[in-house]
């Protein structure tokens, strides 16, 4: 079968352009690097830390070029020689069930991708992150994380894909609408129980003990009319020295989660300021806005996907002999990537706007200086790139840069 049709060439062009664009963005970031510390970074990095950050960024950049280049070459070869279609044809010799065929198809792809990624993940963790003092992961934890991640993904993805395929087979005329409803409900359930079901697979969460920090968090939450009793500490230090904090869940299930590294690195006031920022997201309905945007995007994707189901041309473009649901899904995801990238710009812009608003909320309680101090410590300790190219920020960043956030907090202190 001649697989060189219009869809094939569109897939190849989009795939190549995506890789080229990623390299352009990486190059633009490199043009912003300098051995001399920019004046605006004085007081955030000392010269020695700045030099270390520059080396860390360069090393990560080279590593991403190698790992991304390898992935590109392998994926391009699979596309060019019809490897995806070949896998579909091969698996058809072992099952006549559309559900089992689809699960086997995506299962094999996921396992192969995981296997190819392991050497790069290992190097990133035990060479680069170890070299710059971030890594706390043991080889045992690394292996268990790989197994758990793959198993969890296969289970969750398998459930979602099975639901979508069954809906399609029994209600093709209402496929996208019913699938949208089912996927949305499942996503909300997972989000609701994330901390209770997913997090314990990888990390241990323990209630924050009574004391100064807990009292300060509860006092601020009460002041902000956002009472929360579920405050937990997660053992993030078992993998990395980098810090984080977040809220999760809804209603009675919502909880504050602090990385133990954050508790160790920041003062009580600084931790409260970071959590005030997170509370700001909830008070301003950002979480629900994000969920609504995600659901709308899912509905749009499923609607658009409905036009590509069981497409003989898509199957042919991927080297397949028989049109199928899963080949249509792969082909559609590749063809959809340019539009997805454009929609991501809007998502990133909205996310950066939300970050500014949450920072302003925290500053309104008179803890803007503490928030700035916390952000500086977190960024410095993580060797964050503080001078990314504006195009990279616009296209890829879900958060404003540290310098942008500092400026915004400093000009927002008068507001409540």
Protein backbone atom coordinates (compact mmCIF):
# COMPACT_ATOMS: atom_id res chain seq x y z
CA UNK A 1 0.00 0.00 0.00
CA UNK A 2 1.33 3.45 -0.89
CA UNK A 3 1.41 5.38 2.35
CA UNK A 4 2.63 8.65 0.82
CA UNK A 5 -0.62 10.62 0.82
CA UNK A 6 -1.38 14.20 1.84
CA UNK A 7 -1.86 13.30 5.49
CA UNK A 8 1.54 11.63 5.57
CA UNK A 9 3.33 14.71 4.29
CA UNK A 10 1.38 17.00 6.64
CA UNK A 11 2.32 14.80 9.60
CA UNK A 12 5.99 14.83 8.61
CA UNK A 13 6.03 18.60 8.03
CA UNK A 14 4.31 19.34 11.36
CA UNK A 15 6.59 16.94 13.18
CA UNK A 16 9.76 18.48 11.72
CA UNK A 17 8.55 22.05 12.31
CA UNK A 18 7.81 21.25 15.94
CA UNK A 19 11.37 20.03 16.46
CA UNK A 20 12.88 22.98 14.59
CA UNK A 21 10.80 25.45 16.59
CA UNK A 22 11.99 23.86 19.85
CA UNK A 23 15.60 24.32 18.71
CA UNK A 24 14.94 27.95 17.80
CA UNK A 25 13.54 28.63 21.26
CA UNK A 26 16.54 26.92 22.83
CA UNK A 27 18.88 29.05 20.70
CA UNK A 28 17.08 32.25 21.71
CA UNK A 29 17.59 31.35 25.37
CA UNK A 30 21.28 30.77 24.75
CA UNK A 31 21.61 34.26 23.29
CA UNK A 32 20.56 35.65 26.68
CA UNK A 33 23.35 33.89 28.53
CA UNK A 34 26.38 35.89 29.63
CA UNK A 35 29.38 35.26 31.90
CA UNK A 36 28.74 38.72 33.38
CA UNK A 37 25.89 38.89 35.87
CA UNK A 38 23.16 41.28 34.71
CA UNK A 39 22.63 44.25 37.01
CA UNK A 40 19.02 43.31 37.73
CA UNK A 41 20.16 40.02 39.29
CA UNK A 42 22.35 41.63 41.91
CA UNK A 43 21.08 40.68 45.34
CA UNK A 44 19.41 37.52 44.01
CA UNK A 45 22.47 35.59 42.89
CA UNK A 46 25.97 36.24 44.14
CA UNK A 47 28.63 35.97 41.38
CA UNK A 48 29.55 32.39 42.33
CA UNK A 49 25.91 31.24 42.31
CA UNK A 50 25.30 33.02 39.02
CA UNK A 51 28.28 31.28 37.40
CA UNK A 52 26.94 27.96 38.71
CA UNK A 53 23.48 28.71 37.30
CA UNK A 54 24.96 29.49 33.89
CA UNK A 55 26.88 26.20 33.85
CA UNK A 56 23.75 24.32 34.96
CA UNK A 57 21.71 25.91 32.19
CA UNK A 58 24.34 25.16 29.54
CA UNK A 59 24.63 21.56 30.62
CA UNK A 60 20.87 21.09 30.62
CA UNK A 61 20.63 22.75 27.23
CA UNK A 62 23.20 20.38 25.71
CA UNK A 63 21.51 17.42 27.33
CA UNK A 64 18.09 18.40 25.97
CA UNK A 65 19.60 18.80 22.51
CA UNK A 66 21.00 15.26 22.63
CA UNK A 67 17.93 13.62 24.19
CA UNK A 68 15.50 15.59 22.01
CA UNK A 69 17.57 14.88 18.91
CA UNK A 70 17.59 11.15 19.66
CA UNK A 71 13.83 11.12 20.20
CA UNK A 72 13.32 13.07 16.98
CA UNK A 73 15.45 10.70 14.88
CA UNK A 74 13.76 7.58 16.28
CA UNK A 75 10.26 9.02 15.88
CA UNK A 76 10.99 10.31 12.38
CA UNK A 77 12.27 6.88 11.33
CA UNK A 78 9.15 5.21 12.75
CA UNK A 79 6.94 7.63 10.82
CA UNK A 80 8.91 7.40 7.59
CA UNK A 81 9.03 3.60 7.50
CA UNK A 82 5.45 3.08 8.69
CA UNK A 83 6.37 1.54 12.03
CA UNK A 84 3.11 2.57 13.70
CA UNK A 85 1.04 0.87 11.03
CA UNK A 86 3.32 -2.18 11.13
CA UNK A 87 2.70 -2.54 14.88
CA UNK A 88 -1.05 -2.37 14.31
CA UNK A 89 -0.88 -5.06 11.61
CA UNK A 90 1.35 -7.25 13.79
CA UNK A 91 -0.96 -7.09 16.82
CA UNK A 92 -4.02 -7.89 14.72
CA UNK A 93 -2.60 -11.37 14.32
CA UNK A 94 -3.09 -11.98 18.05
CA UNK A 95 -6.52 -10.52 18.84
CA UNK A 96 -9.78 -9.72 17.12
CA UNK A 97 -11.08 -7.55 19.96
CA UNK A 98 -10.98 -3.84 19.17
CA UNK A 99 -10.54 -2.99 22.86
CA UNK A 100 -7.70 -5.45 23.45
CA UNK A 101 -6.06 -4.40 20.18
CA UNK A 102 -6.14 -0.74 21.19
CA UNK A 103 -4.84 -1.43 24.71
CA UNK A 104 -2.04 -3.64 23.38
CA UNK A 105 -1.15 -1.05 20.72
CA UNK A 106 -0.81 1.86 23.13
CA UNK A 107 0.68 -0.39 25.82
CA UNK A 108 3.54 -1.47 23.56
CA UNK A 109 4.21 2.12 22.50
CA UNK A 110 4.25 3.35 26.10
CA UNK A 111 6.59 0.59 27.25
CA UNK A 112 8.99 1.19 24.35
CA UNK A 113 8.99 4.95 24.97
CA UNK A 114 9.67 4.37 28.65
CA UNK A 115 12.56 2.02 27.89
CA UNK A 116 14.13 4.53 25.49
CA UNK A 117 13.77 7.33 28.03
CA UNK A 118 15.34 5.47 30.96
CA UNK A 119 19.02 6.07 30.01
CA UNK A 120 18.36 9.80 29.59
CA UNK A 121 16.37 10.01 32.83
CA UNK A 122 19.16 8.18 34.61
CA UNK A 123 21.82 10.53 33.25
CA UNK A 124 19.74 13.59 34.11
CA UNK A 125 19.17 12.36 37.67
CA UNK A 126 22.47 10.76 38.61
CA UNK A 127 24.88 12.92 36.58
CA UNK A 128 23.52 16.43 36.01
CA UNK A 129 21.27 16.78 39.08
CA UNK A 130 23.87 14.99 41.21
CA UNK A 131 26.67 17.25 39.96
CA UNK A 132 24.81 20.40 41.02
CA UNK A 133 23.71 19.06 44.39
CA UNK A 134 20.01 18.52 43.67
CA UNK A 135 19.67 14.76 43.50
CA UNK A 136 18.61 12.77 46.55
CA UNK A 137 17.12 9.86 44.59
CA UNK A 138 18.60 6.43 45.20
CA UNK A 139 18.87 3.89 42.37
CA UNK A 140 16.17 1.84 44.09
CA UNK A 141 13.78 4.81 44.25
CA UNK A 142 14.55 5.64 40.62
CA UNK A 143 13.68 2.12 39.43
CA UNK A 144 10.53 1.96 41.56
CA UNK A 145 9.43 5.38 40.25
CA UNK A 146 9.84 4.19 36.67
CA UNK A 147 7.76 1.07 37.32
CA UNK A 148 5.07 2.92 39.29
CA UNK A 149 4.80 5.72 36.74
CA UNK A 150 4.43 3.30 33.85
CA UNK A 151 1.91 1.12 35.69
CA UNK A 152 -0.16 4.09 36.82
CA UNK A 153 -0.19 5.61 33.34
CA UNK A 154 -1.17 2.32 31.71
CA UNK A 155 -4.04 1.85 34.16
CA UNK A 156 -5.42 5.39 33.94
CA UNK A 157 -4.91 5.74 30.20
CA UNK A 158 -6.32 2.26 29.66
CA UNK A 159 -9.49 3.13 31.56
CA UNK A 160 -9.99 6.41 29.69
CA UNK A 161 -9.28 4.92 26.26
CA UNK A 162 -11.53 1.95 26.91
CA UNK A 163 -14.39 4.23 27.92
CA UNK A 164 -13.93 6.38 24.82
CA UNK A 165 -13.74 3.39 22.46
CA UNK A 166 -16.78 1.66 23.98
CA UNK A 167 -18.77 4.90 23.69
CA UNK A 168 -17.73 5.18 20.06
CA UNK A 169 -18.72 1.60 19.22
CA UNK A 170 -22.13 1.87 20.85
CA UNK A 171 -23.02 5.51 20.18
CA UNK A 172 -20.98 6.69 17.22
CA UNK A 173 -23.40 9.50 16.38
CA UNK A 174 -22.97 11.00 19.87
CA UNK A 175 -19.41 9.85 20.37
CA UNK A 176 -17.66 13.11 21.18
CA UNK A 177 -20.41 14.41 23.48
CA UNK A 178 -20.77 11.26 25.58
CA UNK A 179 -17.00 10.73 25.70
CA UNK A 180 -16.56 14.31 26.81
CA UNK A 181 -19.00 13.79 29.68
CA UNK A 182 -17.37 10.54 30.78
CA UNK A 183 -13.80 11.86 30.61
CA UNK A 184 -14.77 15.05 32.45
CA UNK A 185 -16.38 13.12 35.32
CA UNK A 186 -13.38 10.81 35.59
CA UNK A 187 -10.97 13.77 35.57
CA UNK A 188 -12.89 15.48 38.39
CA UNK A 189 -12.84 12.29 40.47
CA UNK A 190 -9.07 11.96 40.03
CA UNK A 191 -8.52 15.64 40.91
CA UNK A 192 -10.75 15.30 43.97
CA UNK A 193 -8.90 12.29 45.35
CA UNK A 194 -5.43 13.02 43.95
CA UNK A 195 -3.74 13.43 47.33
CA UNK A 196 -5.35 10.30 48.75
CA UNK A 197 -5.00 7.97 45.77
CA UNK A 198 -2.09 9.10 43.61
CA UNK A 199 0.43 10.89 45.83
CA UNK A 200 0.84 8.00 48.36
CA UNK A 201 2.04 5.76 45.52
CA UNK A 202 5.19 7.88 45.28
CA UNK A 203 5.51 9.88 48.48
CA UNK A 204 4.71 9.80 52.17
CA UNK A 205 2.49 12.57 53.53
CA UNK A 206 2.40 13.30 57.25
CA UNK A 207 0.27 15.88 59.09
CA UNK A 208 2.20 19.02 59.98
CA UNK A 209 2.90 18.89 63.70
CA UNK A 210 1.56 21.47 66.10
CA UNK A 211 3.84 24.44 66.50
CA UNK A 212 4.74 27.88 65.22
CA UNK A 213 4.43 27.06 61.51
CA UNK A 214 1.08 25.32 61.75
CA UNK A 215 -0.34 28.08 63.95
CA UNK A 216 0.87 30.76 61.52
CA UNK A 217 -0.66 28.97 58.52
CA UNK A 218 -4.00 28.46 60.28
CA UNK A 219 -4.04 32.07 61.49
CA UNK A 220 -3.49 33.42 57.99
CA UNK A 221 -6.03 31.04 56.47
CA UNK A 222 -8.60 32.26 59.00
CA UNK A 223 -7.71 35.91 58.29
CA UNK A 224 -8.22 35.24 54.58
CA UNK A 225 -11.57 33.51 55.27
CA UNK A 226 -10.14 30.28 53.93
CA UNK A 227 -10.02 27.86 56.87
CA UNK A 228 -8.05 24.73 56.18
CA UNK A 229 -7.25 21.99 58.67
CA UNK A 230 -5.56 19.44 56.44
CA UNK A 231 -1.91 20.55 56.40
CA UNK A 232 0.58 17.92 55.31
CA UNK A 233 4.33 17.64 54.78
CA UNK A 234 5.51 15.54 51.83
CA UNK A 235 8.93 13.88 51.74
CA UNK A 236 10.16 15.63 48.61
CA UNK A 237 13.73 15.44 49.93
CA UNK A 238 13.84 11.73 49.10
CA UNK A 239 14.30 12.77 45.45
CA UNK A 240 15.53 16.35 45.27
CA UNK A 241 16.60 19.39 47.25
CA UNK A 242 14.22 21.59 45.22
CA UNK A 243 11.19 23.03 47.02
CA UNK A 244 7.49 23.34 46.36
CA UNK A 245 4.09 23.78 48.00
CA UNK A 246 0.56 23.36 46.69
CA UNK A 247 -3.12 23.03 47.45
CA UNK A 248 -5.11 20.10 46.20
CA UNK A 249 -8.65 18.76 46.39
CA UNK A 250 -11.99 20.51 46.90
CA UNK A 251 -14.33 21.09 49.82
CA UNK A 252 -13.52 18.87 52.78
CA UNK A 253 -10.87 17.13 50.71
CA UNK A 254 -8.73 20.21 50.13
CA UNK A 255 -5.39 20.22 51.84
CA UNK A 256 -2.17 22.22 52.05
CA UNK A 257 0.90 20.22 51.08
CA UNK A 258 4.41 21.45 51.93
CA UNK A 259 7.60 19.89 50.69
CA UNK A 260 9.89 19.17 53.64
CA UNK A 261 12.64 21.00 51.74
CA UNK A 262 10.48 24.15 51.69
CA UNK A 263 9.98 23.93 55.43
CA UNK A 264 13.72 23.61 55.91
CA UNK A 265 14.74 26.41 53.51
CA UNK A 266 12.24 29.19 54.28
CA UNK A 267 11.25 31.09 57.39
CA UNK A 268 7.76 30.77 58.83
CA UNK A 269 6.68 34.13 57.38
CA UNK A 270 8.04 33.19 53.94
CA UNK A 271 6.18 29.87 53.94
CA UNK A 272 2.98 31.66 54.93
CA UNK A 273 3.54 34.10 52.03
CA UNK A 274 3.94 31.22 49.57
CA UNK A 275 0.75 29.61 50.85
CA UNK A 276 -1.03 32.98 50.71
CA UNK A 277 -0.22 32.99 47.00
CA UNK A 278 -1.79 29.53 46.67
CA UNK A 279 -4.84 30.62 48.67
CA UNK A 280 -5.13 33.53 46.24
CA UNK A 281 -5.61 31.05 43.40
CA UNK A 282 -8.55 29.50 45.21
CA UNK A 283 -10.10 32.76 46.35
CA UNK A 284 -10.01 34.10 42.79
CA UNK A 285 -11.54 30.92 41.35
CA UNK A 286 -8.46 30.17 39.25
CA UNK A 287 -8.75 26.45 39.95
CA UNK A 288 -12.29 26.31 38.62
CA UNK A 289 -11.33 28.46 35.64
CA UNK A 290 -8.51 26.05 34.79
CA UNK A 291 -10.86 23.07 35.12
CA UNK A 292 -13.41 24.78 32.86
CA UNK A 293 -10.74 25.57 30.26
CA UNK A 294 -9.46 22.00 30.40
CA UNK A 295 -12.95 20.58 29.94
CA UNK A 296 -13.67 22.94 27.05
CA UNK A 297 -10.41 21.94 25.39
CA UNK A 298 -11.17 18.24 25.90
CA UNK A 299 -14.59 18.70 24.33
CA UNK A 300 -13.14 20.53 21.35
CA UNK A 301 -10.43 17.89 20.83
CA UNK A 302 -12.96 15.04 20.97
CA UNK A 303 -15.25 16.88 18.56
CA UNK A 304 -12.40 17.45 16.09
CA UNK A 305 -11.19 13.86 16.57
CA UNK A 306 -14.63 12.54 15.60
CA UNK A 307 -13.92 13.59 12.00
CA UNK A 308 -10.81 11.40 11.82
CA UNK A 309 -12.17 8.17 13.31
CA UNK A 310 -11.59 5.06 11.22
CA UNK A 311 -10.03 7.16 8.45
CA UNK A 312 -8.46 4.96 5.75
CA UNK A 313 -6.23 7.86 4.68
CA UNK A 314 -4.89 8.33 8.23
CA UNK A 315 -4.22 4.61 8.57
CA UNK A 316 -2.45 4.63 5.21
CA UNK A 317 -0.34 7.64 6.19
CA UNK A 318 0.89 5.76 9.27
CA UNK A 319 1.64 2.61 7.28
CA UNK A 320 -1.43 0.68 8.39
CA UNK A 321 -3.46 -1.74 6.32
CA UNK A 322 -6.76 -1.35 8.15
CA UNK A 323 -8.37 1.86 9.47
CA UNK A 324 -8.93 1.81 13.22
CA UNK A 325 -9.81 3.94 16.20
CA UNK A 326 -6.27 3.96 17.61
CA UNK A 327 -4.54 4.75 14.31
CA UNK A 328 -6.99 7.59 13.86
CA UNK A 329 -6.11 8.84 17.34
CA UNK A 330 -2.35 8.81 16.65
CA UNK A 331 -2.74 10.47 13.27
CA UNK A 332 -5.08 13.11 14.67
CA UNK A 333 -2.75 13.93 17.57
CA UNK A 334 0.09 14.57 15.10
CA UNK A 335 -2.06 16.67 12.78
CA UNK A 336 -3.56 18.59 15.68
CA UNK A 337 -0.18 19.60 17.15
CA UNK A 338 0.08 23.03 15.43
CA UNK A 339 -3.36 24.08 16.67
CA UNK A 340 -2.56 22.65 20.08
CA UNK A 341 0.57 24.79 20.19
CA UNK A 342 -1.43 27.91 19.35
CA UNK A 343 -4.02 27.14 22.04
CA UNK A 344 -1.17 26.61 24.51
CA UNK A 345 -0.18 30.25 24.03
CA UNK A 346 -3.56 31.32 25.38
CA UNK A 347 -3.32 28.85 28.27
CA UNK A 348 0.16 30.08 29.22
CA UNK A 349 -0.90 33.71 29.00
CA UNK A 350 -3.89 33.05 31.24
CA UNK A 351 -1.72 31.12 33.71
CA UNK A 352 0.83 33.95 33.96
CA UNK A 353 -2.00 36.40 34.56
CA UNK A 354 -3.31 34.19 37.36
CA UNK A 355 0.14 34.10 38.96
CA UNK A 356 0.27 37.88 39.02
CA UNK A 357 -3.18 38.01 40.60
CA UNK A 358 -2.27 35.45 43.27
CA UNK A 359 0.92 37.39 44.06
CA UNK A 360 -1.12 40.57 44.38
CA UNK A 361 -3.53 38.79 46.75
CA UNK A 362 -0.64 37.79 49.02
CA UNK A 363 0.93 41.26 48.87
CA UNK A 364 -2.42 42.75 49.90
CA UNK A 365 -2.00 41.17 53.34
CA UNK A 366 1.26 43.01 53.94
CA UNK A 367 3.55 40.05 53.27
CA UNK A 368 4.85 41.11 49.86
CA UNK A 369 8.43 41.38 51.14
CA UNK A 370 8.23 37.87 52.59
CA UNK A 371 6.86 36.56 49.28
CA UNK A 372 9.70 38.20 47.35
CA UNK A 373 12.25 36.76 49.77
CA UNK A 374 10.71 33.29 49.41
CA UNK A 375 10.68 33.48 45.61
CA UNK A 376 14.32 34.59 45.59
CA UNK A 377 15.38 31.70 47.83
CA UNK A 378 13.45 29.09 45.83
CA UNK A 379 14.80 30.38 42.51
CA UNK A 380 18.37 30.70 43.75
CA UNK A 381 18.40 27.26 45.36
CA UNK A 382 16.96 25.70 42.17
CA UNK A 383 19.41 27.60 39.90
CA UNK A 384 16.44 28.91 37.93
CA UNK A 385 17.13 30.77 34.68
CA UNK A 386 16.22 34.34 35.61
CA UNK A 387 16.82 35.86 32.17
CA UNK A 388 14.98 33.69 29.62
CA UNK A 389 14.29 35.17 26.22
CA UNK A 390 10.92 37.00 26.07
CA UNK A 391 9.78 34.83 23.15
CA UNK A 392 10.46 31.70 25.21
CA UNK A 393 8.52 33.17 28.14
CA UNK A 394 5.60 34.05 25.87
CA UNK A 395 5.49 30.62 24.22
CA UNK A 396 6.38 28.25 27.03
CA UNK A 397 6.20 29.75 30.51
CA UNK A 398 3.17 29.14 32.70
CA UNK A 399 4.68 31.48 35.32
CA UNK A 400 6.17 34.96 34.89
CA UNK A 401 9.91 35.22 35.45
CA UNK A 402 11.16 35.97 38.95
CA UNK A 403 12.12 39.52 38.01
CA UNK A 404 8.65 40.14 36.57
CA UNK A 405 6.99 38.80 39.70
CA UNK A 406 9.19 40.87 42.00
CA UNK A 407 8.37 44.05 40.07
CA UNK A 408 4.66 43.25 40.13
CA UNK A 409 4.60 42.55 43.88
CA UNK A 410 6.50 45.75 44.60
CA UNK A 411 3.91 47.77 42.66
CA UNK A 412 0.95 45.89 44.18
CA UNK A 413 1.55 46.37 47.88
CA UNK A 414 -0.89 49.25 48.17
CA UNK A 415 -3.76 47.05 46.99
CA UNK A 416 -5.86 44.63 48.99
